[in-house]
Amino acid sequence: MAKAAEPDLKREKERWEKEILEPFLKKAKERRERFITVSDEEFNRLYGPSDIADLDYERDLSYPGEYPYTRGVYPTMYRGRLWTMRQFAGFGGPEDTNARFKYLLKEGQTGLSTAFDMPTLMGLDSDHPLADGEVGVEGVAVSTLADFEILFDEIPLDQVTTSFTINPSAPVIYAMYIAIADKQGVPRDKIRGTIQNDMLKEFIAQKEWVVSPKPSVDLIADIFEFGIKETPKFNLISISGYHIREAGSTAIQELAFTLADGMAYVEAGLERGLDIDKFAPQLSFFFNSHNSFFEEIAKFRAARRIWARAMREHYGAKNEESWKLRFHTQTAGCSLTDQQPLINIVRVTLQALAAVLGGTQSLHTNSFDEALALPTEEAVRIALRTQQIIAYESGVADTIDPLGGSYFIESLTNETERKTMEYINKISDIGHGSILKGALAGIDNGYFQREIGQAAYQYQKQVETGEQTIVGVNKYQIPKEQDMPVPILRIDPEIQRRQIARLEKVKRERDNDAVHRALGQLADAAMNKQNTMPFILDAVKAYVSVGEIMEVFRKVHGAYREPAIV
């Protein structure tokens, strides 16, 4: 039997447009002229084989667990093990957050994630004048190891993984976690978790810092050098696009700037003389999952492919674990509304589903009340149940990369990769071939800030004109008095007094000769460009405070002031 002739797909599409589409459009117009994502990327009406004509399965997709990992970093993905359900937790004092940790573990959470208050994030103690009114408000207050001992009371560190969302003070918090493991008798090579420790994105987007960019990167390299030997199962950095997106970037900018930051840290490790295949497997990533469902899925798939190619082909990593981009996802806090807050549950569900279909390794789902305050127990339970329903009831975790092969998804993944690489190449050009130098120069000259600012302005303009619809905000509003009241978690001012009293007690009872000795040795190490981590760990164990340790770096390097951006 003769084989049927292959159809001329281009001619068939032209025929469809002429004979079917055009007559229909004359009778019934489409809903709008442009169909765009929240990033202002325009979608075609229809995708077909011609949109992925250049796609090579082995080169661009391959199989799960195989280079370039577009379809997933593990051969069985969620059929073997579900993503880690890691709800962000932290408020008040360490007693309060310890209770929330235990509550979430009882409700089925599989990993801990720690939020810190603003003083701790900025390297200040609870008794600092600038901390007044902020202690325990945005996260848990931590000043000394005494607080950490309470925070992890009855939580066995050899049985949980713990993530810490902290950056300027990351070396101190990392040292405290090691100190607690030592106290519990847990071998350092058994502790698992992640320290965010991503300072470049702070200067680009989140704006929490102590010292300037270069010494901040040097501290990160200290953690790499120390951590590959001491805590080989602990992720030494979580390179974060989340906050870049929350600052107003597009999906492409989030991906490009995050991957560029990751490459900059690789170069910092190489400059330190570290073996790339020793530290690269301990790098992890953290992305935002926003409202444009398919854009987010394509972003995650493209991220794996770009990173794998860069690590193997550009940086010469030989270990397959160095090629794998593993990432945590958080649903988009900036998408939550205080108008009709219960509908945030729907937004979060779709964002979480996009993260799962994109192959995330762990996931935080925002609580519906987070546009108003830190989440209540009921709200955080619903957020956790959202993940559990996706995992156990929807069936989406039962097959790997279920949208792989879609004309739309594959075309969008390719386009995301192309546009992301344009940004990364630009950053490399700024640094004359060095991504690290390009990132530092881009911070100094305001390149990143201007790009994000323009994207944020464009989006806000589209919301105000109605081109972007926000349900409950610029469409389908209801009077405020008709909205369902939502309970608010309020932080008791007594927590600040309690924290200051504990800190004063620690300072009275600790060995202050040992404190002065530890601080002096840390200052010498910082001035002489020694690895500071062993000295920070000694200081932490002597109950030196976060503020006292970070003040050493302020004195050695000077406090950072952001230049004016024009």
Protein backbone atom coordinates (compact mmCIF):
# COMPACT_ATOMS: atom_id res chain seq x y z
CA MET A 1 0.00 0.00 0.00
CA ALA A 2 1.42 3.40 -1.01
CA LYS A 3 2.21 5.83 1.82
CA ALA A 4 -0.10 8.85 1.93
CA ALA A 5 1.49 12.14 0.97
CA GLU A 6 2.52 14.38 3.88
CA PRO A 7 0.15 17.38 4.12
CA ASP A 8 1.57 20.81 3.31
CA LEU A 9 0.99 22.31 6.76
CA LYS A 10 1.72 25.88 5.76
CA ARG A 11 -0.73 25.68 2.85
CA GLU A 12 -3.33 24.00 5.06
CA LYS A 13 -3.06 26.74 7.65
CA GLU A 14 -3.47 29.41 4.95
CA ARG A 15 -6.53 27.56 3.66
CA TRP A 16 -8.05 27.40 7.15
CA GLU A 17 -7.45 31.13 7.69
CA LYS A 18 -9.03 32.06 4.35
CA GLU A 19 -11.94 29.65 4.26
CA ILE A 20 -12.86 29.21 7.92
CA LEU A 21 -11.35 31.96 10.07
CA GLU A 22 -11.85 35.09 7.98
CA PRO A 23 -15.57 34.53 7.30
CA PHE A 24 -16.12 33.81 10.99
CA LEU A 25 -14.30 36.97 12.11
CA LYS A 26 -16.52 39.06 9.85
CA LYS A 27 -19.52 37.84 11.82
CA ALA A 28 -17.98 37.65 15.32
CA LYS A 29 -14.92 39.65 16.35
CA GLU A 30 -12.50 38.40 18.97
CA ARG A 31 -12.75 39.77 22.50
CA ARG A 32 -9.83 42.16 22.07
CA GLU A 33 -7.10 43.09 19.63
CA ARG A 34 -4.15 41.89 21.74
CA PHE A 35 -4.02 38.81 23.97
CA ILE A 36 -1.16 39.40 26.36
CA THR A 37 0.40 37.95 29.49
CA VAL A 38 1.03 39.93 32.67
CA SER A 39 4.51 40.44 31.17
CA ASP A 40 3.03 42.07 28.03
CA GLU A 41 4.03 39.12 25.85
CA GLU A 42 1.52 38.64 23.02
CA PHE A 43 0.17 35.19 22.19
CA ASN A 44 -0.60 34.02 18.67
CA ARG A 45 -4.13 32.94 17.89
CA LEU A 46 -3.05 29.38 17.15
CA TYR A 47 0.11 27.31 17.40
CA GLY A 48 0.98 24.38 15.19
CA PRO A 49 3.83 22.27 13.83
CA SER A 50 5.43 25.18 11.98
CA ASP A 51 5.97 26.99 15.30
CA ILE A 52 8.31 24.24 16.50
CA ALA A 53 9.77 23.21 13.16
CA ASP A 54 13.32 23.74 14.44
CA LEU A 55 12.77 21.79 17.67
CA ASP A 56 15.10 18.80 17.99
CA TYR A 57 13.76 16.32 20.56
CA GLU A 58 17.11 14.94 21.70
CA ARG A 59 18.87 18.31 21.71
CA ASP A 60 16.12 20.51 23.18
CA LEU A 61 13.90 18.18 25.21
CA SER A 62 15.26 14.68 25.73
CA TYR A 63 13.89 12.63 28.66
CA PRO A 64 13.31 13.47 32.32
CA GLY A 65 16.55 13.16 34.26
CA GLU A 66 18.63 13.64 31.11
CA TYR A 67 20.42 16.71 29.75
CA PRO A 68 19.19 19.41 29.10
CA TYR A 69 16.45 18.55 31.67
CA THR A 70 13.71 20.53 29.92
CA ARG A 71 11.24 17.82 30.94
CA GLY A 72 12.45 17.54 34.54
CA VAL A 73 15.58 16.95 36.60
CA TYR A 74 14.59 13.48 37.87
CA PRO A 75 13.64 10.38 35.83
CA THR A 76 10.37 9.76 37.71
CA MET A 77 9.61 13.30 38.95
CA TYR A 78 6.42 13.29 41.09
CA ARG A 79 5.66 9.63 40.38
CA GLY A 80 8.62 8.88 42.64
CA ARG A 81 8.40 11.73 45.14
CA LEU A 82 6.11 14.74 45.38
CA TRP A 83 7.48 18.23 45.64
CA THR A 84 8.29 19.45 49.16
CA MET A 85 5.36 21.38 50.60
CA ARG A 86 7.15 24.20 52.35
CA GLN A 87 4.87 26.88 53.77
CA PHE A 88 6.60 30.12 54.75
CA ALA A 89 6.35 30.62 58.52
CA GLY A 90 7.67 33.17 60.92
CA PHE A 91 6.14 35.79 63.18
CA GLY A 92 6.55 37.17 66.65
CA GLY A 93 9.18 35.56 68.83
CA PRO A 94 10.82 32.17 68.39
CA GLU A 95 8.21 30.58 70.69
CA ASP A 96 5.41 31.69 68.35
CA THR A 97 7.12 30.45 65.20
CA ASN A 98 8.14 27.17 66.82
CA ALA A 99 4.45 26.55 67.55
CA ARG A 100 3.55 27.39 63.93
CA PHE A 101 6.27 25.00 62.68
CA LYS A 102 4.82 22.18 64.76
CA TYR A 103 1.29 22.98 63.63
CA LEU A 104 2.26 22.86 59.95
CA LEU A 105 4.19 19.61 60.36
CA LYS A 106 1.15 18.09 62.09
CA GLU A 107 -1.04 19.23 59.17
CA GLY A 108 1.15 17.43 56.64
CA GLN A 109 3.77 19.97 55.62
CA THR A 110 6.99 18.24 54.53
CA GLY A 111 9.59 21.00 55.00
CA LEU A 112 10.10 24.13 57.08
CA SER A 113 10.55 27.64 55.68
CA THR A 114 11.56 30.49 57.94
CA ALA A 115 10.70 34.17 57.57
CA PHE A 116 12.60 36.68 59.69
CA ASP A 117 11.58 40.11 60.90
CA MET A 118 13.07 43.25 59.36
CA PRO A 119 15.66 43.93 62.10
CA THR A 120 17.09 40.41 61.74
CA LEU A 121 17.08 40.71 57.95
CA MET A 122 19.02 43.97 58.18
CA GLY A 123 21.56 42.65 60.68
CA LEU A 124 20.14 44.49 63.70
CA ASP A 125 19.21 43.18 67.15
CA SER A 126 15.78 43.53 68.72
CA ASP A 127 17.04 46.28 71.03
CA HIS A 128 18.38 48.51 68.25
CA PRO A 129 16.57 51.89 68.00
CA LEU A 130 15.67 51.20 64.36
CA ALA A 131 14.02 47.93 65.43
CA ASP A 132 11.39 49.67 67.53
CA GLY A 133 7.94 48.64 66.32
CA GLU A 134 9.33 46.07 63.88
CA VAL A 135 10.28 43.22 66.21
CA GLY A 136 8.48 40.05 65.15
CA VAL A 137 6.16 41.95 62.80
CA GLU A 138 7.18 40.60 59.37
CA GLY A 139 8.75 37.37 60.58
CA VAL A 140 10.42 35.81 63.58
CA ALA A 141 12.82 37.88 65.68
CA VAL A 142 16.26 36.33 66.18
CA SER A 143 19.15 38.06 67.95
CA THR A 144 21.26 35.26 69.44
CA LEU A 145 21.65 31.50 69.49
CA ALA A 146 19.32 31.51 72.51
CA ASP A 147 16.49 32.50 70.17
CA PHE A 148 17.45 29.76 67.72
CA GLU A 149 17.41 27.17 70.49
CA ILE A 150 13.78 28.07 71.18
CA LEU A 151 12.91 28.28 67.46
CA PHE A 152 13.99 24.67 66.86
CA ASP A 153 13.01 23.21 70.21
CA GLU A 154 11.86 19.57 69.73
CA ILE A 155 12.40 19.77 65.96
CA PRO A 156 14.96 17.11 64.97
CA LEU A 157 17.23 18.57 62.31
CA ASP A 158 18.11 15.15 60.91
CA GLN A 159 14.44 14.59 59.97
CA VAL A 160 13.39 17.89 58.38
CA THR A 161 14.71 20.23 55.73
CA THR A 162 14.66 23.89 56.63
CA SER A 163 14.76 26.93 54.36
CA PHE A 164 15.86 30.36 55.59
CA THR A 165 14.77 33.47 53.72
CA ILE A 166 17.54 35.83 54.77
CA ASN A 167 20.33 37.56 52.88
CA PRO A 168 22.60 40.20 54.52
CA SER A 169 22.68 38.21 57.77
CA ALA A 170 22.70 34.82 56.02
CA PRO A 171 26.18 33.80 57.27
CA VAL A 172 25.04 34.30 60.88
CA ILE A 173 21.78 32.36 60.49
CA TYR A 174 23.59 29.56 58.64
CA ALA A 175 26.10 29.40 61.50
CA MET A 176 23.27 29.28 64.06
CA TYR A 177 21.67 26.33 62.26
CA ILE A 178 24.98 24.46 62.30
CA ALA A 179 25.39 25.29 65.98
CA ILE A 180 21.93 23.87 66.76
CA ALA A 181 22.77 20.71 64.80
CA ASP A 182 25.99 20.39 66.82
CA LYS A 183 23.97 20.78 70.05
CA GLN A 184 21.48 18.12 68.91
CA GLY A 185 24.32 15.77 67.99
CA VAL A 186 23.28 15.75 64.32
CA PRO A 187 26.34 15.34 62.05
CA ARG A 188 26.85 18.39 59.85
CA ASP A 189 26.90 16.22 56.74
CA LYS A 190 23.35 15.10 57.54
CA ILE A 191 21.61 18.47 57.85
CA ARG A 192 19.51 19.50 54.86
CA GLY A 193 17.94 22.76 53.87
CA THR A 194 18.61 26.04 52.10
CA ILE A 195 19.90 29.47 53.04
CA GLN A 196 18.73 32.16 50.60
CA ASN A 197 22.01 34.10 50.78
CA ASP A 198 21.40 35.89 47.43
CA MET A 199 22.76 39.42 47.75
CA LEU A 200 22.85 40.43 44.08
CA LYS A 201 19.07 40.31 43.89
CA GLU A 202 18.93 42.47 47.01
CA PHE A 203 20.77 45.27 45.23
CA ILE A 204 18.67 44.68 42.10
CA ALA A 205 15.22 44.44 43.68
CA GLN A 206 14.56 43.79 47.38
CA LYS A 207 16.89 46.46 48.85
CA GLU A 208 18.06 44.78 52.06
CA TRP A 209 21.81 45.10 52.58
CA VAL A 210 24.57 45.85 55.05
CA VAL A 211 27.76 46.17 53.00
CA SER A 212 28.30 46.93 49.30
CA PRO A 213 27.93 44.37 46.47
CA LYS A 214 31.54 43.14 46.15
CA PRO A 215 32.16 42.28 49.84
CA SER A 216 28.64 40.83 49.93
CA VAL A 217 29.61 38.42 47.14
CA ASP A 218 32.85 37.63 48.98
CA LEU A 219 30.81 36.57 52.02
CA ILE A 220 28.76 34.29 49.78
CA ALA A 221 31.96 32.72 48.48
CA ASP A 222 33.01 32.18 52.13
CA ILE A 223 29.82 30.16 52.64
CA PHE A 224 30.49 28.15 49.46
CA GLU A 225 34.05 27.34 50.52
CA PHE A 226 33.01 26.38 54.05
CA GLY A 227 29.76 24.62 53.14
CA ILE A 228 31.02 22.19 50.50
CA LYS A 229 33.16 20.60 53.20
CA GLU A 230 30.99 21.00 56.30
CA THR A 231 27.37 20.69 55.09
CA PRO A 232 27.41 18.88 51.73
CA LYS A 233 23.64 18.21 51.72
CA PHE A 234 22.69 21.81 52.46
CA ASN A 235 21.91 24.25 49.64
CA LEU A 236 24.33 27.12 50.16
CA ILE A 237 22.32 29.66 48.20
CA SER A 238 18.83 30.08 46.79
CA ILE A 239 19.27 32.32 43.77
CA SER A 240 16.06 34.22 43.82
CA GLY A 241 13.96 35.60 41.01
CA TYR A 242 10.96 35.82 43.30
CA HIS A 243 11.77 39.28 44.63
CA ILE A 244 12.79 40.54 41.19
CA ARG A 245 9.31 39.61 39.97
CA GLU A 246 7.65 41.10 43.03
CA ALA A 247 9.47 44.37 42.26
CA GLY A 248 7.64 44.53 38.93
CA SER A 249 9.77 42.66 36.40
CA THR A 250 8.44 40.61 33.53
CA ALA A 251 8.76 36.82 33.49
CA ILE A 252 11.65 37.12 31.02
CA GLN A 253 13.47 39.65 33.20
CA GLU A 254 12.91 37.49 36.28
CA LEU A 255 14.42 34.49 34.55
CA ALA A 256 17.27 36.35 32.86
CA PHE A 257 18.40 38.34 35.89
CA THR A 258 18.12 35.31 38.17
CA LEU A 259 20.12 33.01 35.91
CA ALA A 260 22.67 35.76 35.36
CA ASP A 261 23.02 36.12 39.14
CA GLY A 262 23.52 32.35 39.34
CA MET A 263 26.26 32.51 36.72
CA ALA A 264 27.84 35.42 38.62
CA TYR A 265 28.00 33.28 41.77
CA VAL A 266 29.54 30.44 39.78
CA GLU A 267 32.23 32.83 38.59
CA ALA A 268 32.75 34.06 42.18
CA GLY A 269 33.28 30.45 43.28
CA LEU A 270 35.73 29.83 40.45
CA GLU A 271 37.63 33.02 41.32
CA ARG A 272 37.92 31.66 44.88
CA GLY A 273 39.60 28.59 43.38
CA LEU A 274 36.74 26.20 44.12
CA ASP A 275 35.99 23.15 41.98
CA ILE A 276 32.78 23.89 40.10
CA ASP A 277 31.60 20.31 40.49
CA LYS A 278 31.99 20.59 44.26
CA PHE A 279 29.87 23.70 44.83
CA ALA A 280 27.48 23.85 41.84
CA PRO A 281 25.34 20.90 43.06
CA GLN A 282 24.66 22.93 46.23
CA LEU A 283 23.20 25.87 44.30
CA SER A 284 19.42 26.14 44.16
CA PHE A 285 16.92 28.60 42.69
CA PHE A 286 13.73 30.31 43.79
CA PHE A 287 11.10 31.53 41.32
CA ASN A 288 7.79 33.35 41.35
CA SER A 289 4.67 31.79 39.81
CA HIS A 290 2.41 34.54 38.54
CA ASN A 291 -1.02 34.67 36.92
CA SER A 292 -0.21 33.93 33.26
CA PHE A 293 -0.45 30.17 33.52
CA PHE A 294 1.32 29.01 30.37
CA GLU A 295 4.00 31.72 30.50
CA GLU A 296 5.05 30.46 33.92
CA ILE A 297 5.23 26.81 32.81
CA ALA A 298 7.37 27.76 29.82
CA LYS A 299 9.60 29.87 32.09
CA PHE A 300 10.36 26.94 34.38
CA ARG A 301 11.08 24.57 31.48
CA ALA A 302 13.34 27.12 29.76
CA ALA A 303 15.18 27.78 33.03
CA ARG A 304 16.37 24.18 33.28
CA ARG A 305 17.56 24.10 29.68
CA ILE A 306 19.43 27.42 29.81
CA TRP A 307 21.18 26.52 33.08
CA ALA A 308 22.17 23.05 31.92
CA ARG A 309 23.68 24.40 28.70
CA ALA A 310 25.52 27.20 30.49
CA MET A 311 26.97 24.92 33.15
CA ARG A 312 28.11 22.19 30.74
CA GLU A 313 29.02 24.13 27.63
CA HIS A 314 30.21 27.49 28.99
CA TYR A 315 31.57 26.75 32.47
CA GLY A 316 32.76 23.23 31.73
CA ALA A 317 31.11 21.41 34.63
CA LYS A 318 31.51 17.63 34.31
CA ASN A 319 29.24 16.42 37.10
CA GLU A 320 25.64 15.94 35.93
CA GLU A 321 24.44 17.25 39.31
CA SER A 322 26.09 20.58 38.41
CA TRP A 323 23.91 20.85 35.29
CA LYS A 324 20.58 20.38 37.08
CA LEU A 325 18.59 23.47 38.01
CA ARG A 326 16.55 22.61 41.09
CA PHE A 327 14.14 25.24 42.31
CA HIS A 328 11.59 26.29 44.89
CA THR A 329 8.49 28.22 43.83
CA GLN A 330 6.29 30.65 45.67
CA THR A 331 3.00 31.88 44.32
CA ALA A 332 2.92 35.59 43.48
CA GLY A 333 2.41 37.73 46.56
CA CYS A 334 2.10 40.84 44.41
CA SER A 335 -0.95 39.33 42.66
CA LEU A 336 -2.96 39.10 45.90
CA THR A 337 -5.66 41.68 46.50
CA ASP A 338 -7.23 42.99 49.68
CA GLN A 339 -10.45 43.44 47.69
CA GLN A 340 -12.51 40.23 47.96
CA PRO A 341 -9.51 38.43 49.54
CA LEU A 342 -11.12 34.97 49.42
CA ILE A 343 -10.75 34.92 45.62
CA ASN A 344 -6.99 34.92 46.20
CA ILE A 345 -7.45 31.19 46.85
CA VAL A 346 -8.28 30.74 43.15
CA ARG A 347 -5.29 32.80 42.03
CA VAL A 348 -2.97 30.82 44.28
CA THR A 349 -4.37 27.51 43.04
CA LEU A 350 -3.68 28.35 39.41
CA GLN A 351 -0.21 29.67 40.21
CA ALA A 352 0.61 26.54 42.22
CA LEU A 353 -0.65 24.32 39.41
CA ALA A 354 1.63 26.14 36.95
CA ALA A 355 4.59 25.53 39.27
CA VAL A 356 3.81 21.82 39.48
CA LEU A 357 3.30 21.48 35.73
CA GLY A 358 6.60 23.32 35.33
CA GLY A 359 8.42 20.77 37.51
CA THR A 360 9.20 22.59 40.78
CA GLN A 361 11.05 20.75 43.58
CA SER A 362 9.32 22.57 46.42
CA LEU A 363 6.40 24.94 46.72
CA HIS A 364 4.96 27.62 48.98
CA THR A 365 1.36 28.63 48.40
CA ASN A 366 0.45 32.08 49.67
CA SER A 367 -2.43 32.42 52.10
CA PHE A 368 -5.50 34.34 50.95
CA ASP A 369 -5.12 36.95 53.70
CA GLU A 370 -1.49 37.94 52.98
CA ALA A 371 -2.48 41.18 51.23
CA LEU A 372 -3.74 42.23 54.66
CA ALA A 373 -1.31 40.74 57.19
CA LEU A 374 0.74 37.70 58.09
CA PRO A 375 -1.45 34.61 57.65
CA THR A 376 -3.70 33.17 60.32
CA GLU A 377 -3.64 29.43 61.05
CA GLU A 378 -6.87 28.90 59.11
CA ALA A 379 -5.55 30.75 56.06
CA VAL A 380 -2.23 28.91 56.03
CA ARG A 381 -4.04 25.58 56.41
CA ILE A 382 -6.14 26.33 53.31
CA ALA A 383 -2.95 27.26 51.44
CA LEU A 384 -1.38 23.95 52.42
CA ARG A 385 -4.56 22.03 51.54
CA THR A 386 -4.40 23.65 48.08
CA GLN A 387 -1.09 21.89 47.47
CA GLN A 388 -2.40 18.64 48.88
CA ILE A 389 -5.44 18.68 46.58
CA ILE A 390 -3.21 19.30 43.57
CA ALA A 391 -0.93 16.49 44.68
CA TYR A 392 -3.50 13.85 45.60
CA GLU A 393 -6.74 14.66 43.82
CA SER A 394 -5.99 16.35 40.49
CA GLY A 395 -3.87 13.65 38.82
CA VAL A 396 -1.38 16.19 37.44
CA ALA A 397 1.46 14.57 39.37
CA ASP A 398 0.84 11.15 37.84
CA THR A 399 2.66 11.69 34.55
CA ILE A 400 5.85 13.60 33.81
CA ASP A 401 5.77 16.94 31.99
CA PRO A 402 2.19 16.44 30.77
CA LEU A 403 2.25 19.57 28.60
CA GLY A 404 5.48 18.58 26.88
CA GLY A 405 5.00 18.34 23.10
CA SER A 406 2.27 20.96 23.03
CA TYR A 407 2.86 23.22 20.04
CA PHE A 408 2.07 26.19 22.26
CA ILE A 409 4.21 25.19 25.26
CA GLU A 410 7.23 24.18 23.19
CA SER A 411 7.07 27.34 21.08
CA LEU A 412 6.69 29.46 24.21
CA THR A 413 9.58 27.65 25.91
CA ASN A 414 11.82 28.31 22.89
CA GLU A 415 10.82 31.97 22.77
CA THR A 416 11.41 32.36 26.50
CA GLU A 417 14.88 30.89 26.12
CA ARG A 418 15.71 33.19 23.20
CA LYS A 419 14.60 36.38 24.94
CA THR A 420 16.25 35.37 28.21
CA MET A 421 19.57 34.79 26.46
CA GLU A 422 19.39 38.25 24.90
CA TYR A 423 19.36 39.73 28.41
CA ILE A 424 22.12 37.42 29.69
CA ASN A 425 24.33 38.27 26.71
CA LYS A 426 23.72 41.97 27.39
CA ILE A 427 24.87 41.53 31.01
CA SER A 428 27.95 39.67 29.78
CA ASP A 429 28.69 42.53 27.38
CA ILE A 430 28.42 45.05 30.23
CA GLY A 431 31.05 42.98 32.07
CA HIS A 432 33.25 42.55 28.99
CA GLY A 433 32.68 38.80 28.98
CA SER A 434 32.21 38.34 32.74
CA ILE A 435 28.68 37.87 34.08
CA LEU A 436 29.91 38.67 37.60
CA LYS A 437 31.45 41.96 36.52
CA GLY A 438 28.38 42.70 34.40
CA ALA A 439 26.04 42.11 37.35
CA LEU A 440 28.09 44.35 39.65
CA ALA A 441 28.36 47.08 37.01
CA GLY A 442 24.64 46.77 36.19
CA ILE A 443 23.81 47.38 39.86
CA ASP A 444 26.12 50.39 40.06
CA ASN A 445 24.83 52.04 36.88
CA GLY A 446 21.16 51.26 37.52
CA TYR A 447 20.67 48.96 34.51
CA PHE A 448 18.58 46.38 36.37
CA GLN A 449 16.56 48.96 38.28
CA ARG A 450 15.65 50.84 35.10
CA GLU A 451 14.59 47.68 33.28
CA ILE A 452 12.36 46.54 36.14
CA GLY A 453 10.98 50.03 36.70
CA GLN A 454 9.93 50.36 33.07
CA ALA A 455 8.22 46.94 33.16
CA ALA A 456 6.36 47.83 36.37
CA TYR A 457 5.23 51.13 34.87
CA GLN A 458 3.98 49.41 31.72
CA TYR A 459 1.97 46.87 33.71
CA GLN A 460 0.42 49.48 36.00
CA LYS A 461 -0.59 51.55 32.97
CA GLN A 462 -2.29 48.49 31.46
CA VAL A 463 -4.19 47.85 34.70
CA GLU A 464 -5.37 51.46 34.83
CA THR A 465 -6.57 51.39 31.20
CA GLY A 466 -8.23 48.00 31.66
CA GLU A 467 -5.98 46.20 29.18
CA GLN A 468 -5.00 43.95 32.10
CA THR A 469 -7.98 42.75 34.14
CA ILE A 470 -7.66 42.32 37.90
CA VAL A 471 -10.87 40.75 39.19
CA GLY A 472 -12.23 42.75 42.10
CA VAL A 473 -9.92 45.69 41.42
CA ASN A 474 -10.65 47.13 37.98
CA LYS A 475 -13.51 44.78 37.11
CA TYR A 476 -16.22 42.93 39.06
CA GLN A 477 -15.86 45.14 42.11
CA ILE A 478 -18.24 45.02 45.04
CA PRO A 479 -18.79 47.65 47.75
CA LYS A 480 -16.30 47.26 50.58
CA GLU A 481 -19.10 46.83 53.11
CA GLN A 482 -20.33 43.75 51.20
CA ASP A 483 -16.94 42.06 51.35
CA MET A 484 -16.58 39.19 53.80
CA PRO A 485 -14.57 40.26 56.87
CA VAL A 486 -11.28 38.40 57.27
CA PRO A 487 -9.64 37.76 60.66
CA ILE A 488 -6.27 39.49 60.96
CA LEU A 489 -3.17 38.11 62.72
CA ARG A 490 -1.94 40.87 65.00
CA ILE A 491 1.48 40.89 66.66
CA ASP A 492 1.33 41.58 70.40
CA PRO A 493 3.65 44.50 71.36
CA GLU A 494 4.62 42.42 74.38
CA ILE A 495 6.73 40.28 72.00
CA GLN A 496 9.19 43.15 71.54
CA ARG A 497 9.56 43.61 75.30
CA ARG A 498 10.03 39.85 75.72
CA GLN A 499 12.69 39.72 73.01
CA ILE A 500 14.64 42.64 74.43
CA ALA A 501 14.49 41.13 77.94
CA ARG A 502 15.84 37.81 76.64
CA LEU A 503 18.65 39.57 74.77
CA GLU A 504 19.61 41.56 77.87
CA LYS A 505 19.67 38.36 79.93
CA VAL A 506 21.89 36.59 77.38
CA LYS A 507 24.32 39.51 77.34
CA ARG A 508 24.50 39.53 81.16
CA GLU A 509 25.07 35.80 81.51
CA ARG A 510 27.35 34.97 78.55
CA ASP A 511 31.15 34.90 78.81
CA ASN A 512 31.87 38.42 77.59
CA ASP A 513 35.61 37.81 77.44
CA ALA A 514 34.87 35.06 74.93
CA VAL A 515 32.57 37.49 73.08
CA HIS A 516 35.29 40.14 72.73
CA ARG A 517 37.79 37.51 71.68
CA ALA A 518 35.45 36.10 69.03
CA LEU A 519 34.62 39.54 67.64
CA GLY A 520 38.30 40.48 67.46
CA GLN A 521 39.19 37.29 65.60
CA LEU A 522 36.29 37.83 63.19
CA ALA A 523 37.41 41.40 62.47
CA ASP A 524 40.98 40.22 61.81
CA ALA A 525 39.71 37.53 59.43
CA ALA A 526 37.53 40.01 57.55
CA MET A 527 40.34 42.56 57.20
CA ASN A 528 42.87 39.90 56.11
CA LYS A 529 40.48 38.30 53.60
CA GLN A 530 40.34 34.96 55.42
CA ASN A 531 37.22 32.81 55.21
CA THR A 532 35.01 34.32 57.90
CA MET A 533 32.61 31.40 58.40
CA PRO A 534 34.63 29.51 61.06
CA PHE A 535 34.93 32.74 63.05
CA ILE A 536 31.22 33.53 62.68
CA LEU A 537 30.42 30.03 63.95
CA ASP A 538 32.69 30.52 66.97
CA ALA A 539 31.03 33.85 67.67
CA VAL A 540 27.53 32.41 67.42
CA LYS A 541 28.41 29.64 69.86
CA ALA A 542 29.65 32.31 72.28
CA TYR A 543 26.18 33.91 72.03
CA VAL A 544 27.43 36.93 70.11
CA SER A 545 24.38 38.59 68.57
CA VAL A 546 23.40 39.06 64.94
CA GLY A 547 23.83 42.81 65.30
CA GLU A 548 27.27 42.54 66.91
CA ILE A 549 28.53 40.22 64.17
CA MET A 550 27.15 42.30 61.30
CA GLU A 551 28.58 45.47 62.87
CA VAL A 552 32.04 43.96 62.33
CA PHE A 553 31.41 43.88 58.60
CA ARG A 554 30.01 47.42 58.63
CA LYS A 555 33.21 48.64 60.27
CA VAL A 556 35.53 46.68 57.98
CA HIS A 557 33.78 47.38 54.67
CA GLY A 558 31.63 50.41 55.40
CA ALA A 559 27.85 50.60 55.24
CA TYR A 560 26.38 50.60 51.72
CA ARG A 561 24.42 53.53 50.34
CA GLU A 562 22.63 53.01 47.04
CA PRO A 563 23.67 55.52 44.34
CA ALA A 564 20.98 57.70 42.82
CA ILE A 565 19.48 56.08 39.72
CA VAL A 566 18.52 58.35 36.84
